[in-house]
Amino acid sequence: MTRLLFREDAYAKSCEATVKSISERGIELDQTVFYATAGGQAGDIGVLKTASGAALPVATTIKDRDSGRILHIIADDHSLPEIGDIVTAELDWDNRHKMMRFHTCLHLLCAVIEGDVTGGNIAAHKARLDFNLPEMAMEKEEITAKLNELIARNAGVYDGEISVAELKANPELVRTMSVQPPMDGNSIRTVTIEGIDFQPCGGTHVRNTGEIGQVSVTKIEKKGRLNRRINIVFA
């Protein structure tokens, strides 16, 4: 399987990699800094640079449902490399960093809102979480204030892991109702925001909450009898 360098260092912007396979769906590399669409976070974009100097635009990155392979989807009308070729995978860092900031902010939102998460989405320009709630106890202005207060703490953010047995003994750690946390063998990746939040998560995050920057809740939507959607943008 592809070595996922973003799990070792979410700030790695590029890497050299060998082309393992090529299909109509995309290009598989032996290692990558590109995050594949999962958990509501959009797949990374960027370029694959070949030895000849060609730059192949990566329109998105996905995980193939059947094989589990990480595939870099190349924009149309570009010649593809050969299997075994060495390429340099370079992220669109501005796009990725915005998603890292939003993803970390959504963890803060989980600390502010009491309720199970029923869905979510993270893009570079906005993010949202849906909560299993009959009514909202707070208005958007109050949620905005609470989020920015947590951001201002400049709390440290770091990855860890727990065993499958530990998760089974503490099922309340999983806030999402429909998405299972990512598992690496017998362990499950976690993210800790010091003094604020701890939960299983396979996404990419910033190193401290201050890096998120100021945010604003733009609207709260009612999406069904027990579903409330909270939309967030950078202020």
Protein backbone atom coordinates (compact mmCIF):
# COMPACT_ATOMS: atom_id res chain seq x y z
CA MET A 1 0.00 0.00 0.00
CA THR A 2 1.01 3.62 -0.50
CA ARG A 3 3.00 5.15 2.36
CA LEU A 4 0.92 8.06 3.65
CA LEU A 5 3.48 10.73 4.47
CA PHE A 6 0.84 13.23 5.62
CA ARG A 7 0.19 10.95 8.59
CA GLU A 8 3.83 11.28 9.60
CA ASP A 9 4.01 15.02 8.91
CA ALA A 10 0.93 17.01 7.84
CA TYR A 11 3.26 19.91 6.91
CA ALA A 12 5.21 17.95 4.28
CA LYS A 13 4.55 19.82 1.03
CA SER A 14 6.23 17.52 -1.49
CA CYS A 15 7.97 14.18 -1.93
CA GLU A 16 9.65 12.05 -4.57
CA ALA A 17 7.68 8.92 -5.43
CA THR A 18 7.66 5.99 -7.83
CA VAL A 19 4.65 5.31 -10.04
CA LYS A 20 3.22 1.94 -8.97
CA SER A 21 0.22 1.67 -11.27
CA ILE A 22 -1.80 3.66 -13.78
CA SER A 23 -5.46 3.16 -14.60
CA GLU A 24 -8.39 5.07 -16.02
CA ARG A 25 -9.17 6.14 -12.46
CA GLY A 26 -5.78 7.62 -11.59
CA ILE A 27 -2.10 7.21 -10.70
CA GLU A 28 -0.94 5.20 -7.69
CA LEU A 29 2.40 6.13 -6.07
CA ASP A 30 4.55 4.21 -3.61
CA GLN A 31 4.30 7.17 -1.22
CA THR A 32 2.46 10.48 -1.18
CA VAL A 33 1.87 13.72 0.70
CA PHE A 34 -1.62 13.97 -0.86
CA TYR A 35 -4.60 13.32 1.43
CA ALA A 36 -7.35 11.26 -0.21
CA THR A 37 -10.99 12.30 0.23
CA ALA A 38 -12.27 10.85 3.51
CA GLY A 39 -14.15 11.81 6.64
CA GLY A 40 -15.68 14.83 4.95
CA GLN A 41 -12.29 16.35 4.05
CA ALA A 42 -11.77 16.97 0.34
CA GLY A 43 -8.89 15.26 -1.47
CA ASP A 44 -5.73 17.26 -2.04
CA ILE A 45 -4.88 18.99 -5.29
CA GLY A 46 -1.49 19.93 -6.74
CA VAL A 47 0.89 18.61 -9.39
CA LEU A 48 3.01 15.57 -10.23
CA LYS A 49 6.28 16.70 -11.84
CA THR A 50 8.05 14.24 -14.13
CA ALA A 51 11.79 13.92 -14.83
CA SER A 52 11.21 15.54 -18.24
CA GLY A 53 9.85 18.65 -16.55
CA ALA A 54 6.17 18.07 -17.30
CA ALA A 55 3.71 19.16 -14.60
CA LEU A 56 0.61 16.97 -14.38
CA PRO A 57 -2.23 18.75 -12.52
CA VAL A 58 -3.83 16.62 -9.78
CA ALA A 59 -7.53 17.53 -9.81
CA THR A 60 -8.25 15.53 -6.66
CA THR A 61 -7.05 12.51 -4.68
CA ILE A 62 -9.27 9.57 -3.82
CA LYS A 63 -9.21 6.17 -2.15
CA ASP A 64 -10.47 3.47 -4.50
CA ARG A 65 -13.45 1.74 -2.88
CA ASP A 66 -12.64 -1.70 -4.26
CA SER A 67 -8.85 -1.89 -3.85
CA GLY A 68 -8.22 0.71 -1.14
CA ARG A 69 -5.45 2.24 -3.30
CA ILE A 70 -4.72 5.98 -3.12
CA LEU A 71 -5.24 7.42 -6.60
CA HIS A 72 -4.12 10.82 -7.89
CA ILE A 73 -6.64 11.97 -10.49
CA ILE A 74 -4.94 13.81 -13.34
CA ALA A 75 -6.83 16.55 -15.18
CA ASP A 76 -7.88 15.67 -18.75
CA ASP A 77 -5.63 16.06 -21.80
CA HIS A 78 -2.30 15.38 -20.11
CA SER A 79 0.15 12.62 -21.03
CA LEU A 80 0.67 10.15 -18.20
CA PRO A 81 4.01 8.80 -16.91
CA GLU A 82 5.07 5.17 -17.13
CA ILE A 83 4.99 2.62 -14.32
CA GLY A 84 8.31 2.83 -12.51
CA ASP A 85 8.88 6.50 -13.33
CA ILE A 86 10.06 8.83 -10.56
CA VAL A 87 7.86 11.88 -10.03
CA THR A 88 7.76 14.73 -7.53
CA ALA A 89 4.36 15.11 -5.86
CA GLU A 90 3.76 18.75 -4.86
CA LEU A 91 0.72 19.92 -2.92
CA ASP A 92 -1.25 23.08 -3.54
CA TRP A 93 -0.17 24.09 -0.04
CA ASP A 94 -2.51 27.06 0.34
CA ASN A 95 -5.48 24.80 -0.39
CA ARG A 96 -4.30 22.06 2.01
CA HIS A 97 -3.43 24.45 4.82
CA LYS A 98 -6.89 26.00 4.73
CA MET A 99 -8.42 22.53 5.08
CA MET A 100 -6.08 21.75 7.98
CA ARG A 101 -7.23 24.93 9.71
CA PHE A 102 -10.90 24.14 9.09
CA HIS A 103 -10.55 20.51 10.17
CA THR A 104 -8.98 21.54 13.45
CA CYS A 105 -11.70 24.15 13.94
CA LEU A 106 -14.40 21.50 13.53
CA HIS A 107 -12.89 19.66 16.48
CA LEU A 108 -13.36 22.84 18.49
CA LEU A 109 -16.94 22.98 17.28
CA CYS A 110 -17.45 19.48 18.70
CA ALA A 111 -16.28 20.83 22.05
CA VAL A 112 -18.76 23.72 21.86
CA ILE A 113 -21.82 21.77 20.67
CA GLU A 114 -23.22 18.83 22.62
CA GLY A 115 -24.58 16.30 20.16
CA ASP A 116 -23.50 13.48 17.89
CA VAL A 117 -22.15 14.42 14.47
CA THR A 118 -24.30 13.18 11.58
CA GLY A 119 -22.21 14.56 8.72
CA GLY A 120 -19.71 17.15 7.66
CA ASN A 121 -17.69 18.66 4.85
CA ILE A 122 -14.35 20.45 4.67
CA ALA A 123 -13.27 22.49 1.65
CA ALA A 124 -10.74 25.28 1.32
CA HIS A 125 -13.34 28.05 1.43
CA LYS A 126 -15.81 26.77 4.03
CA ALA A 127 -16.63 23.90 6.36
CA ARG A 128 -19.66 22.52 8.15
CA LEU A 129 -20.80 19.95 10.67
CA ASP A 130 -24.27 18.46 11.10
CA PHE A 131 -25.41 17.57 14.59
CA ASN A 132 -28.13 15.24 15.84
CA LEU A 133 -30.08 17.90 17.74
CA PRO A 134 -33.81 18.68 17.94
CA GLU A 135 -33.12 22.35 18.68
CA MET A 136 -30.15 24.70 18.86
CA ALA A 137 -29.44 26.14 22.30
CA MET A 138 -27.10 28.85 20.94
CA GLU A 139 -27.29 31.41 18.18
CA LYS A 140 -24.56 31.71 15.57
CA GLU A 141 -23.04 34.78 17.25
CA GLU A 142 -22.53 32.90 20.52
CA ILE A 143 -21.00 29.89 18.77
CA THR A 144 -18.67 32.21 16.85
CA ALA A 145 -17.54 33.84 20.09
CA LYS A 146 -16.91 30.50 21.81
CA LEU A 147 -14.93 29.16 18.83
CA ASN A 148 -12.72 32.23 18.66
CA GLU A 149 -12.15 32.06 22.40
CA LEU A 150 -10.87 28.48 22.04
CA ILE A 151 -8.75 29.44 19.02
CA ALA A 152 -7.16 32.25 21.04
CA ARG A 153 -5.91 29.77 23.64
CA ASN A 154 -3.22 28.68 21.16
CA ALA A 155 -3.67 25.13 22.46
CA GLY A 156 -1.35 22.44 21.15
CA VAL A 157 -2.70 19.88 18.66
CA TYR A 158 -1.08 16.50 18.22
CA ASP A 159 -1.76 13.03 16.84
CA GLY A 160 -1.71 9.81 18.83
CA GLU A 161 -3.24 6.39 18.81
CA ILE A 162 -5.32 4.05 20.91
CA SER A 163 -6.00 0.36 20.57
CA VAL A 164 -9.19 -1.07 19.13
CA ALA A 165 -9.87 -2.56 22.57
CA GLU A 166 -9.57 0.89 24.19
CA LEU A 167 -12.04 2.35 21.70
CA LYS A 168 -14.52 -0.48 22.30
CA ALA A 169 -14.27 0.22 26.02
CA ASN A 170 -14.89 3.95 25.40
CA PRO A 171 -17.38 4.16 22.48
CA GLU A 172 -18.35 7.71 23.49
CA LEU A 173 -15.05 8.92 22.01
CA VAL A 174 -16.52 8.55 18.51
CA ARG A 175 -18.67 11.62 17.85
CA THR A 176 -19.62 10.67 14.27
CA MET A 177 -22.70 8.51 13.84
CA SER A 178 -22.08 7.28 10.27
CA VAL A 179 -18.29 7.35 9.79
CA GLN A 180 -15.95 4.92 11.53
CA PRO A 181 -12.54 6.18 12.67
CA PRO A 182 -9.50 5.16 10.57
CA MET A 183 -7.70 2.05 11.76
CA ASP A 184 -4.05 1.09 11.17
CA GLY A 185 -3.93 -2.59 12.03
CA ASN A 186 -4.76 -2.90 15.71
CA SER A 187 -4.52 0.83 16.44
CA ILE A 188 -6.72 3.84 15.76
CA ARG A 189 -5.37 7.32 15.05
CA THR A 190 -6.47 10.09 17.42
CA VAL A 191 -6.12 13.85 17.64
CA THR A 192 -5.77 15.73 20.92
CA ILE A 193 -6.34 19.45 21.35
CA GLU A 194 -4.88 20.19 24.77
CA GLY A 195 -7.54 20.83 27.34
CA ILE A 196 -10.30 20.99 24.71
CA ASP A 197 -10.93 17.85 22.66
CA PHE A 198 -9.83 14.25 22.13
CA GLN A 199 -11.28 11.89 19.54
CA PRO A 200 -10.35 9.39 16.82
CA CYS A 201 -9.59 11.14 13.52
CA GLY A 202 -7.66 10.47 10.33
CA GLY A 203 -7.62 14.00 8.91
CA THR A 204 -4.90 16.63 8.76
CA HIS A 205 -4.60 19.32 11.44
CA VAL A 206 -2.56 22.40 12.33
CA ARG A 207 -0.08 22.36 15.22
CA ASN A 208 -1.97 24.75 17.49
CA THR A 209 -5.37 26.39 17.59
CA GLY A 210 -3.97 29.89 17.05
CA GLU A 211 -2.95 28.84 13.56
CA ILE A 212 -6.63 28.49 12.63
CA GLY A 213 -7.22 32.22 12.67
CA GLN A 214 -10.51 33.96 13.39
CA VAL A 215 -13.66 32.23 12.14
CA SER A 216 -17.33 33.07 11.76
CA VAL A 217 -20.48 30.96 11.85
CA THR A 218 -22.39 32.14 8.79
CA LYS A 219 -25.64 30.26 9.35
CA ILE A 220 -27.35 27.44 11.20
CA GLU A 221 -29.66 25.33 9.06
CA LYS A 222 -32.42 22.91 9.98
CA LYS A 223 -31.90 19.77 7.90
CA GLY A 224 -34.64 17.49 9.14
CA ARG A 225 -36.33 17.01 12.49
CA LEU A 226 -33.14 16.07 14.34
CA ASN A 227 -30.41 17.61 12.19
CA ARG A 228 -28.80 21.03 12.62
CA ARG A 229 -26.08 22.19 10.20
CA ILE A 230 -23.50 24.73 11.36
CA ASN A 231 -21.57 26.50 8.57
CA ILE A 232 -18.18 28.14 9.20
CA VAL A 233 -15.90 30.42 7.17
CA PHE A 234 -12.68 32.27 7.96
CA ALA A 235 -13.43 35.74 9.28
